[in-house]
């Protein structure tokens, strides 16, 4: 694949948890935004790398970066807001 193609996947964000990964994946799939999620979990080390690096990385075409960042910010804001 040529590096000049605009659909080349780049790292957009590091995900903090499995729940965050599932929610963002659901939203991106629903909105037909191409993406890949790579977990840092390694069964040989029982998730040791997830403690050091975060749960995993989210990759997508650079042209979707601002839209995905906005979605992820919304998810993180809702998860840290106290319940009324």
N, C-alpha and C. Protein backbone atom coordinates (compact mmCIF):
# COMPACT_ATOMS: atom_id res chain seq x y z
N UNK A 1 0.85 -1.18 0.00
CA UNK A 1 0.00 0.00 0.00
C UNK A 1 0.89 1.23 0.00
N UNK A 2 0.55 2.17 -0.84
CA UNK A 2 1.32 3.39 -0.95
C UNK A 2 1.16 4.26 0.29
N UNK A 3 2.25 4.88 0.78
CA UNK A 3 2.13 5.75 1.95
C UNK A 3 1.35 7.02 1.66
N UNK A 4 1.06 7.29 0.39
CA UNK A 4 0.34 8.51 0.02
C UNK A 4 -1.18 8.32 0.01
N UNK A 5 -1.64 7.09 0.23
CA UNK A 5 -3.08 6.84 0.27
C UNK A 5 -3.64 7.40 1.57
N UNK A 6 -4.73 8.13 1.50
CA UNK A 6 -5.28 8.81 2.68
C UNK A 6 -5.95 7.85 3.67
N UNK A 7 -6.20 6.62 3.28
CA UNK A 7 -6.85 5.66 4.17
C UNK A 7 -5.86 4.88 5.02
N UNK A 8 -4.61 5.28 5.04
CA UNK A 8 -3.61 4.60 5.84
C UNK A 8 -3.96 4.78 7.32
N UNK A 9 -3.93 3.70 8.08
CA UNK A 9 -4.28 3.75 9.49
C UNK A 9 -3.12 4.30 10.31
N UNK A 10 -3.45 5.19 11.21
CA UNK A 10 -2.46 5.77 12.13
C UNK A 10 -3.00 5.63 13.55
N UNK A 11 -2.11 5.71 14.52
CA UNK A 11 -2.55 5.63 15.91
C UNK A 11 -3.29 6.92 16.26
N UNK A 12 -4.52 6.77 16.75
CA UNK A 12 -5.34 7.91 17.12
C UNK A 12 -5.29 8.14 18.62
N UNK A 13 -5.36 7.06 19.41
CA UNK A 13 -5.42 7.20 20.87
C UNK A 13 -5.04 5.90 21.56
N UNK A 14 -4.69 6.03 22.83
CA UNK A 14 -4.50 4.86 23.69
C UNK A 14 -5.76 4.73 24.53
N UNK A 15 -6.34 3.54 24.51
CA UNK A 15 -7.57 3.28 25.25
C UNK A 15 -7.24 2.87 26.67
N UNK A 16 -8.10 3.25 27.60
CA UNK A 16 -7.83 3.05 29.02
C UNK A 16 -8.35 1.75 29.59
N UNK A 17 -9.40 1.17 28.98
CA UNK A 17 -9.99 -0.04 29.55
C UNK A 17 -10.75 -0.82 28.48
N UNK A 18 -11.11 -2.04 28.83
CA UNK A 18 -11.91 -2.88 27.94
C UNK A 18 -13.27 -2.24 27.68
N UNK A 19 -13.88 -1.69 28.71
CA UNK A 19 -15.20 -1.05 28.56
C UNK A 19 -15.11 0.13 27.59
N UNK A 20 -14.09 0.97 27.76
CA UNK A 20 -13.91 2.10 26.85
C UNK A 20 -13.72 1.60 25.42
N UNK A 21 -12.94 0.55 25.24
CA UNK A 21 -12.71 -0.02 23.91
C UNK A 21 -14.01 -0.52 23.29
N UNK A 22 -14.84 -1.19 24.08
CA UNK A 22 -16.10 -1.72 23.57
C UNK A 22 -17.07 -0.60 23.18
N UNK A 23 -17.13 0.44 24.00
CA UNK A 23 -18.04 1.55 23.72
C UNK A 23 -17.60 2.30 22.47
N UNK A 24 -16.32 2.64 22.38
CA UNK A 24 -15.84 3.39 21.22
C UNK A 24 -15.95 2.53 19.95
N UNK A 25 -15.69 1.24 20.06
CA UNK A 25 -15.82 0.37 18.89
C UNK A 25 -17.27 0.32 18.41
N UNK A 26 -18.20 0.25 19.33
CA UNK A 26 -19.62 0.23 18.98
C UNK A 26 -20.03 1.51 18.24
N UNK A 27 -19.60 2.64 18.77
CA UNK A 27 -19.95 3.94 18.15
C UNK A 27 -19.31 4.07 16.77
N UNK A 28 -18.04 3.72 16.66
CA UNK A 28 -17.35 3.84 15.36
C UNK A 28 -17.95 2.90 14.32
N UNK A 29 -18.33 1.71 14.72
CA UNK A 29 -18.96 0.77 13.80
C UNK A 29 -20.32 1.29 13.36
N UNK A 30 -21.09 1.81 14.31
CA UNK A 30 -22.41 2.37 14.00
C UNK A 30 -22.31 3.54 13.02
N UNK A 31 -21.26 4.34 13.14
CA UNK A 31 -21.08 5.50 12.27
C UNK A 31 -20.25 5.18 11.02
N UNK A 32 -19.96 3.91 10.80
CA UNK A 32 -19.22 3.44 9.63
C UNK A 32 -17.85 4.10 9.50
N UNK A 33 -17.18 4.28 10.62
CA UNK A 33 -15.84 4.85 10.63
C UNK A 33 -14.85 3.68 10.68
N UNK A 34 -13.98 3.56 9.69
CA UNK A 34 -13.02 2.45 9.70
C UNK A 34 -12.06 2.59 10.88
N UNK A 35 -11.79 1.48 11.53
CA UNK A 35 -10.91 1.51 12.71
C UNK A 35 -10.39 0.12 13.02
N UNK A 36 -9.35 0.10 13.83
CA UNK A 36 -8.78 -1.14 14.37
C UNK A 36 -8.42 -0.87 15.82
N UNK A 37 -8.65 -1.86 16.66
CA UNK A 37 -8.27 -1.75 18.06
C UNK A 37 -7.28 -2.86 18.36
N UNK A 38 -6.17 -2.49 18.95
CA UNK A 38 -5.11 -3.45 19.29
C UNK A 38 -4.94 -3.46 20.81
N UNK A 39 -5.26 -4.59 21.40
CA UNK A 39 -5.11 -4.75 22.85
C UNK A 39 -3.65 -5.06 23.18
N UNK A 40 -3.20 -4.58 24.33
CA UNK A 40 -1.85 -4.90 24.79
C UNK A 40 -1.83 -6.18 25.63
N UNK A 41 -3.00 -6.82 25.81
CA UNK A 41 -3.05 -8.02 26.65
C UNK A 41 -2.21 -9.13 26.04
N UNK A 42 -1.42 -9.75 26.87
CA UNK A 42 -0.59 -10.87 26.46
C UNK A 42 -0.77 -11.96 27.52
N UNK A 43 -1.31 -13.09 27.11
CA UNK A 43 -1.60 -14.15 28.10
C UNK A 43 -0.34 -14.65 28.79
N UNK A 44 0.79 -14.60 28.11
CA UNK A 44 2.04 -15.07 28.73
C UNK A 44 2.44 -14.19 29.92
N UNK A 45 2.09 -12.92 29.87
CA UNK A 45 2.45 -11.99 30.96
C UNK A 45 1.24 -11.53 31.76
N UNK A 46 0.09 -12.17 31.54
CA UNK A 46 -1.13 -11.92 32.30
C UNK A 46 -1.50 -10.43 32.36
N UNK A 47 -1.42 -9.75 31.22
CA UNK A 47 -1.86 -8.36 31.16
C UNK A 47 -0.87 -7.35 31.72
N UNK A 48 0.36 -7.74 31.99
CA UNK A 48 1.36 -6.85 32.57
C UNK A 48 1.54 -5.58 31.74
N UNK A 49 1.55 -5.71 30.42
CA UNK A 49 1.78 -4.54 29.55
C UNK A 49 0.60 -3.58 29.61
N UNK A 50 -0.60 -4.06 29.90
CA UNK A 50 -1.75 -3.18 30.00
C UNK A 50 -1.63 -2.27 31.21
N UNK A 51 -0.97 -2.71 32.25
CA UNK A 51 -0.76 -1.87 33.42
C UNK A 51 0.23 -0.75 33.11
N UNK A 52 1.17 -1.02 32.21
CA UNK A 52 2.22 -0.05 31.89
C UNK A 52 1.83 0.89 30.75
N UNK A 53 1.14 0.37 29.73
CA UNK A 53 0.91 1.13 28.50
C UNK A 53 -0.54 1.57 28.30
N UNK A 54 -1.47 1.12 29.10
CA UNK A 54 -2.89 1.34 28.85
C UNK A 54 -3.49 0.07 28.29
N UNK A 55 -4.80 0.05 28.09
CA UNK A 55 -5.47 -1.18 27.64
C UNK A 55 -5.07 -1.57 26.22
N UNK A 56 -4.99 -0.57 25.33
CA UNK A 56 -4.66 -0.86 23.93
C UNK A 56 -4.68 0.42 23.12
N UNK A 57 -4.45 0.29 21.83
CA UNK A 57 -4.41 1.44 20.93
C UNK A 57 -5.55 1.38 19.92
N UNK A 58 -5.99 2.56 19.52
CA UNK A 58 -7.03 2.71 18.51
C UNK A 58 -6.38 3.30 17.26
N UNK A 59 -6.56 2.62 16.13
CA UNK A 59 -6.01 3.06 14.85
C UNK A 59 -7.14 3.34 13.87
N UNK A 60 -6.97 4.35 13.04
CA UNK A 60 -7.95 4.71 12.02
C UNK A 60 -7.26 5.60 10.99
N UNK A 61 -7.92 5.85 9.85
CA UNK A 61 -7.35 6.79 8.89
C UNK A 61 -7.22 8.17 9.53
N UNK A 62 -6.15 8.87 9.23
CA UNK A 62 -5.89 10.19 9.82
C UNK A 62 -7.02 11.17 9.54
N UNK A 63 -7.74 10.99 8.45
CA UNK A 63 -8.83 11.91 8.11
C UNK A 63 -9.99 11.85 9.10
N UNK A 64 -10.05 10.80 9.93
CA UNK A 64 -11.11 10.67 10.94
C UNK A 64 -10.63 11.05 12.35
N UNK A 65 -9.40 11.49 12.48
CA UNK A 65 -8.81 11.72 13.81
C UNK A 65 -9.63 12.68 14.66
N UNK A 66 -10.00 13.82 14.13
CA UNK A 66 -10.73 14.80 14.96
C UNK A 66 -12.09 14.27 15.38
N UNK A 67 -12.78 13.58 14.49
CA UNK A 67 -14.09 13.02 14.81
C UNK A 67 -13.98 11.94 15.90
N UNK A 68 -12.98 11.08 15.78
CA UNK A 68 -12.78 10.02 16.76
C UNK A 68 -12.35 10.61 18.10
N UNK A 69 -11.48 11.60 18.07
CA UNK A 69 -11.03 12.24 19.31
C UNK A 69 -12.20 12.87 20.04
N UNK A 70 -13.11 13.49 19.30
CA UNK A 70 -14.30 14.09 19.89
C UNK A 70 -15.19 13.02 20.53
N UNK A 71 -15.38 11.90 19.85
CA UNK A 71 -16.18 10.79 20.39
C UNK A 71 -15.54 10.25 21.66
N UNK A 72 -14.23 10.04 21.62
CA UNK A 72 -13.52 9.49 22.77
C UNK A 72 -13.55 10.46 23.96
N UNK A 73 -13.44 11.74 23.70
CA UNK A 73 -13.53 12.74 24.76
C UNK A 73 -14.91 12.70 25.42
N UNK A 74 -15.94 12.57 24.60
CA UNK A 74 -17.30 12.46 25.12
C UNK A 74 -17.49 11.23 25.99
N UNK A 75 -16.93 10.11 25.58
CA UNK A 75 -17.02 8.88 26.37
C UNK A 75 -16.30 9.06 27.70
N UNK A 76 -15.11 9.62 27.65
CA UNK A 76 -14.32 9.79 28.88
C UNK A 76 -14.97 10.81 29.82
N UNK A 77 -15.57 11.84 29.28
CA UNK A 77 -16.25 12.85 30.11
C UNK A 77 -17.45 12.22 30.80
N UNK A 78 -18.22 11.42 30.09
CA UNK A 78 -19.39 10.76 30.69
C UNK A 78 -18.98 9.76 31.76
N UNK A 79 -17.88 9.07 31.56
CA UNK A 79 -17.47 8.04 32.54
C UNK A 79 -16.90 8.65 33.81
N UNK A 80 -16.46 9.92 33.75
CA UNK A 80 -15.90 10.56 34.95
C UNK A 80 -16.89 11.50 35.63
N UNK A 81 -18.04 11.74 34.98
CA UNK A 81 -19.06 12.62 35.57
C UNK A 81 -19.75 11.89 36.71
N UNK A 82 -19.95 12.57 37.85
CA UNK A 82 -20.66 11.93 38.95
C UNK A 82 -22.15 11.78 38.62
N UNK A 83 -22.72 10.69 39.09
CA UNK A 83 -24.15 10.43 38.90
C UNK A 83 -24.96 11.40 39.75
N UNK A 84 -26.09 11.92 39.25
CA UNK A 84 -26.91 12.86 40.05
C UNK A 84 -27.62 12.15 41.19
